[in-house]
Amino acid sequence: MSQPTPPSAAASPAGEAPGGLTHLDEHGRAHMVAVGHKPETERSARARGRVLLSASALARITSEDAAQALPKGDVLQVARLAGIQAVKRTADLIPLCHPLRITAVRVEFSSPPAGAAGLVGDERAIDITVEAKDKDDKMFGR
């Protein structure tokens, strides 16, 4: 069944998708695109996030004995595994994403000092960076 095309998704004069987006047709509807003809290239991606938590929670999960002291073990190692698994399942998690070959993943955690930009009062943070790469075994300076 055809649906009306909203004015904001109207095709450009050249008949391209709005804004030149490849996964939208001339009517602004999502569709899969062929990638088999594309040459293999080196690819990389980086995602960053921040988790806000209390000072006491941060102290518990970053303590030397966190793996033994916490009921579910080392929180950061579980988060590292979850990040790696998410990278491996990118094509399942992102609509219209083709399967990707990933040859290396790095998940890093850091904690800015108390009072750092963006933190309020007793608030603390863990910054997370996930990097993924294909076609380069020497990634991340290893």
C-alpha atoms as a PDB file:
ATOM      1  CA  MET A   1       0.000   0.000   0.000  1.00  0.00           C
ATOM      2  CA  SER A   2       1.382   3.351  -1.005  1.00  0.00           C
ATOM      3  CA  GLN A   3       1.630   6.055   1.605  1.00  0.00           C
ATOM      4  CA  PRO A   4       1.795   9.763   0.913  1.00  0.00           C
ATOM      5  CA  THR A   5       5.301  11.198   0.893  1.00  0.00           C
ATOM      6  CA  PRO A   6       5.749  13.878   3.546  1.00  0.00           C
ATOM      7  CA  PRO A   7       6.913  17.236   2.140  1.00  0.00           C
ATOM      8  CA  SER A   8      10.205  17.005   4.065  1.00  0.00           C
ATOM      9  CA  ALA A   9      11.051  13.738   2.306  1.00  0.00           C
ATOM     10  CA  ALA A  10      10.383  14.914  -1.236  1.00  0.00           C
ATOM     11  CA  ALA A  11      12.946  13.939  -3.851  1.00  0.00           C
ATOM     12  CA  SER A  12      15.581  16.413  -4.944  1.00  0.00           C
ATOM     13  CA  PRO A  13      15.375  17.887  -8.451  1.00  0.00           C
ATOM     14  CA  ALA A  14      17.985  15.383  -9.678  1.00  0.00           C
ATOM     15  CA  GLY A  15      15.728  12.488  -8.594  1.00  0.00           C
ATOM     16  CA  GLU A  16      18.018  11.494  -5.718  1.00  0.00           C
ATOM     17  CA  ALA A  17      16.915  10.614  -2.234  1.00  0.00           C
ATOM     18  CA  PRO A  18      16.550  13.600   0.112  1.00  0.00           C
ATOM     19  CA  GLY A  19      19.994  14.836   1.127  1.00  0.00           C
ATOM     20  CA  GLY A  20      21.680  12.270  -1.143  1.00  0.00           C
ATOM     21  CA  LEU A  21      21.170   9.459   1.396  1.00  0.00           C
ATOM     22  CA  THR A  22      21.827   6.115  -0.305  1.00  0.00           C
ATOM     23  CA  HIS A  23      19.468   3.998   1.795  1.00  0.00           C
ATOM     24  CA  LEU A  24      16.411   6.115   0.930  1.00  0.00           C
ATOM     25  CA  ASP A  25      14.599   5.967  -2.378  1.00  0.00           C
ATOM     26  CA  GLU A  26      13.323   8.996  -4.269  1.00  0.00           C
ATOM     27  CA  HIS A  27      10.235   8.985  -2.029  1.00  0.00           C
ATOM     28  CA  GLY A  28      12.246   8.989   1.206  1.00  0.00           C
ATOM     29  CA  ARG A  29      11.507   5.324   2.017  1.00  0.00           C
ATOM     30  CA  ALA A  30      14.220   3.037   3.367  1.00  0.00           C
ATOM     31  CA  HIS A  31      15.574   0.283   1.109  1.00  0.00           C
ATOM     32  CA  MET A  32      18.612  -1.982   0.960  1.00  0.00           C
ATOM     33  CA  VAL A  33      21.430  -1.025  -1.405  1.00  0.00           C
ATOM     34  CA  ALA A  34      23.796  -3.338  -3.264  1.00  0.00           C
ATOM     35  CA  VAL A  35      27.391  -3.301  -2.029  1.00  0.00           C
ATOM     36  CA  GLY A  36      28.850  -6.288  -3.903  1.00  0.00           C
ATOM     37  CA  HIS A  37      30.444  -4.045  -6.516  1.00  0.00           C
ATOM     38  CA  LYS A  38      32.347  -1.940  -3.988  1.00  0.00           C
ATOM     39  CA  PRO A  39      36.092  -2.585  -3.646  1.00  0.00           C
ATOM     40  CA  GLU A  40      37.391  -3.785  -0.299  1.00  0.00           C
ATOM     41  CA  THR A  41      38.843  -0.918   1.690  1.00  0.00           C
ATOM     42  CA  GLU A  42      40.331  -0.421   5.122  1.00  0.00           C
ATOM     43  CA  ARG A  43      37.541   0.581   7.462  1.00  0.00           C
ATOM     44  CA  SER A  44      37.407   1.763  11.020  1.00  0.00           C
ATOM     45  CA  ALA A  45      34.802   3.042  13.438  1.00  0.00           C
ATOM     46  CA  ARG A  46      34.851   4.688  16.846  1.00  0.00           C
ATOM     47  CA  ALA A  47      31.999   5.123  19.302  1.00  0.00           C
ATOM     48  CA  ARG A  48      32.154   6.944  22.602  1.00  0.00           C
ATOM     49  CA  GLY A  49      29.802   7.105  25.526  1.00  0.00           C
ATOM     50  CA  ARG A  50      29.653   8.199  29.127  1.00  0.00           C
ATOM     51  CA  VAL A  51      28.000   6.488  32.073  1.00  0.00           C
ATOM     52  CA  LEU A  52      27.198   8.733  35.037  1.00  0.00           C
ATOM     53  CA  LEU A  53      27.222   7.195  38.505  1.00  0.00           C
ATOM     54  CA  SER A  54      27.794   8.026  42.135  1.00  0.00           C
ATOM     55  CA  ALA A  55      31.271   8.238  43.629  1.00  0.00           C
ATOM     56  CA  SER A  56      30.583   5.162  45.774  1.00  0.00           C
ATOM     57  CA  ALA A  57      29.452   3.090  42.766  1.00  0.00           C
ATOM     58  CA  LEU A  58      32.550   4.129  40.821  1.00  0.00           C
ATOM     59  CA  ALA A  59      34.782   3.183  43.758  1.00  0.00           C
ATOM     60  CA  ARG A  60      33.152  -0.259  44.000  1.00  0.00           C
ATOM     61  CA  ILE A  61      33.504  -1.171  40.327  1.00  0.00           C
ATOM     62  CA  THR A  62      37.048   0.167  39.949  1.00  0.00           C
ATOM     63  CA  SER A  63      38.469  -1.282  43.176  1.00  0.00           C
ATOM     64  CA  GLU A  64      41.306  -3.819  43.011  1.00  0.00           C
ATOM     65  CA  ASP A  65      39.030  -6.570  44.335  1.00  0.00           C
ATOM     66  CA  ALA A  66      35.948  -5.700  42.232  1.00  0.00           C
ATOM     67  CA  ALA A  67      35.891  -9.125  40.565  1.00  0.00           C
ATOM     68  CA  GLN A  68      35.558 -10.859  43.940  1.00  0.00           C
ATOM     69  CA  ALA A  69      33.680  -8.160  45.862  1.00  0.00           C
ATOM     70  CA  LEU A  70      30.753  -7.659  43.475  1.00  0.00           C
ATOM     71  CA  PRO A  71      27.993 -10.279  43.190  1.00  0.00           C
ATOM     72  CA  LYS A  72      28.241 -10.484  39.389  1.00  0.00           C
ATOM     73  CA  GLY A  73      32.006 -10.102  39.112  1.00  0.00           C
ATOM     74  CA  ASP A  74      34.104  -7.501  37.357  1.00  0.00           C
ATOM     75  CA  VAL A  75      31.637  -4.989  35.872  1.00  0.00           C
ATOM     76  CA  LEU A  76      34.153  -3.446  33.478  1.00  0.00           C
ATOM     77  CA  GLN A  77      35.245  -6.801  32.052  1.00  0.00           C
ATOM     78  CA  VAL A  78      31.618  -7.774  31.472  1.00  0.00           C
ATOM     79  CA  ALA A  79      31.074  -4.392  29.784  1.00  0.00           C
ATOM     80  CA  ARG A  80      34.195  -4.957  27.646  1.00  0.00           C
ATOM     81  CA  LEU A  81      32.829  -8.327  26.479  1.00  0.00           C
ATOM     82  CA  ALA A  82      29.435  -6.761  25.757  1.00  0.00           C
ATOM     83  CA  GLY A  83      31.116  -4.053  23.662  1.00  0.00           C
ATOM     84  CA  ILE A  84      33.059  -6.622  21.652  1.00  0.00           C
ATOM     85  CA  GLN A  85      29.920  -8.706  21.137  1.00  0.00           C
ATOM     86  CA  ALA A  86      27.983  -5.611  20.001  1.00  0.00           C
ATOM     87  CA  VAL A  87      30.661  -4.863  17.391  1.00  0.00           C
ATOM     88  CA  LYS A  88      30.502  -8.447  16.142  1.00  0.00           C
ATOM     89  CA  ARG A  89      26.708  -8.179  15.786  1.00  0.00           C
ATOM     90  CA  THR A  90      26.576  -4.735  14.147  1.00  0.00           C
ATOM     91  CA  ALA A  91      24.668  -6.013  11.109  1.00  0.00           C
ATOM     92  CA  ASP A  92      22.015  -7.525  13.412  1.00  0.00           C
ATOM     93  CA  LEU A  93      21.648  -4.381  15.519  1.00  0.00           C
ATOM     94  CA  ILE A  94      21.645  -1.606  12.884  1.00  0.00           C
ATOM     95  CA  PRO A  95      18.841  -1.691  10.313  1.00  0.00           C
ATOM     96  CA  LEU A  96      20.014  -2.039   6.680  1.00  0.00           C
ATOM     97  CA  CYS A  97      23.632  -2.707   7.705  1.00  0.00           C
ATOM     98  CA  HIS A  98      25.392  -5.382   5.657  1.00  0.00           C
ATOM     99  CA  PRO A  99      27.549  -7.934   7.508  1.00  0.00           C
ATOM    100  CA  LEU A 100      30.969  -6.473   8.237  1.00  0.00           C
ATOM    101  CA  ARG A 101      34.321  -8.195   8.576  1.00  0.00           C
ATOM    102  CA  ILE A 102      35.936  -7.055  11.805  1.00  0.00           C
ATOM    103  CA  THR A 103      39.559  -7.983  12.450  1.00  0.00           C
ATOM    104  CA  ALA A 104      40.156  -6.073  15.693  1.00  0.00           C
ATOM    105  CA  VAL A 105      38.167  -4.412  18.463  1.00  0.00           C
ATOM    106  CA  ARG A 106      39.344  -2.340  21.394  1.00  0.00           C
ATOM    107  CA  VAL A 107      37.161  -1.274  24.321  1.00  0.00           C
ATOM    108  CA  GLU A 108      38.720   1.240  26.725  1.00  0.00           C
ATOM    109  CA  PHE A 109      37.432   2.771  29.952  1.00  0.00           C
ATOM    110  CA  SER A 110      38.579   5.913  31.698  1.00  0.00           C
ATOM    111  CA  SER A 111      37.254   7.941  34.572  1.00  0.00           C
ATOM    112  CA  PRO A 112      37.578  11.733  34.510  1.00  0.00           C
ATOM    113  CA  PRO A 113      38.484  13.367  37.817  1.00  0.00           C
ATOM    114  CA  ALA A 114      35.780  14.609  40.177  1.00  0.00           C
ATOM    115  CA  GLY A 115      34.499  17.994  39.084  1.00  0.00           C
ATOM    116  CA  ALA A 116      35.530  17.496  35.443  1.00  0.00           C
ATOM    117  CA  ALA A 117      33.518  19.275  32.778  1.00  0.00           C
ATOM    118  CA  GLY A 118      29.962  17.990  32.616  1.00  0.00           C
ATOM    119  CA  LEU A 119      29.952  16.447  36.093  1.00  0.00           C
ATOM    120  CA  VAL A 120      27.752  17.956  38.780  1.00  0.00           C
ATOM    121  CA  GLY A 121      28.250  17.719  42.540  1.00  0.00           C
ATOM    122  CA  ASP A 122      29.227  14.207  43.691  1.00  0.00           C
ATOM    123  CA  GLU A 123      28.597  12.774  40.229  1.00  0.00           C
ATOM    124  CA  ARG A 124      31.308  10.626  38.648  1.00  0.00           C
ATOM    125  CA  ALA A 125      31.641   9.105  35.189  1.00  0.00           C
ATOM    126  CA  ILE A 126      33.145   6.290  33.220  1.00  0.00           C
ATOM    127  CA  ASP A 127      33.978   7.207  29.645  1.00  0.00           C
ATOM    128  CA  ILE A 128      33.876   4.333  27.181  1.00  0.00           C
ATOM    129  CA  THR A 129      35.535   4.224  23.764  1.00  0.00           C
ATOM    130  CA  VAL A 130      34.974   1.336  21.359  1.00  0.00           C
ATOM    131  CA  GLU A 131      37.121   1.117  18.236  1.00  0.00           C
ATOM    132  CA  ALA A 132      36.746  -1.468  15.494  1.00  0.00           C
ATOM    133  CA  LYS A 133      38.879  -2.034  12.434  1.00  0.00           C
ATOM    134  CA  ASP A 134      39.148  -4.201   9.360  1.00  0.00           C
ATOM    135  CA  LYS A 135      42.233  -4.983   7.278  1.00  0.00           C
ATOM    136  CA  ASP A 136      44.938  -3.738   9.636  1.00  0.00           C
ATOM    137  CA  ASP A 137      46.556  -6.089  12.135  1.00  0.00           C
ATOM    138  CA  LYS A 138      48.675  -3.252  13.554  1.00  0.00           C
ATOM    139  CA  MET A 139      45.740  -1.171  14.718  1.00  0.00           C
ATOM    140  CA  PHE A 140      45.705   0.808  17.934  1.00  0.00           C
ATOM    141  CA  GLY A 141      49.512   0.954  18.113  1.00  0.00           C
ATOM    142  CA  ARG A 142      49.932  -2.697  19.079  1.00  0.00           C
END
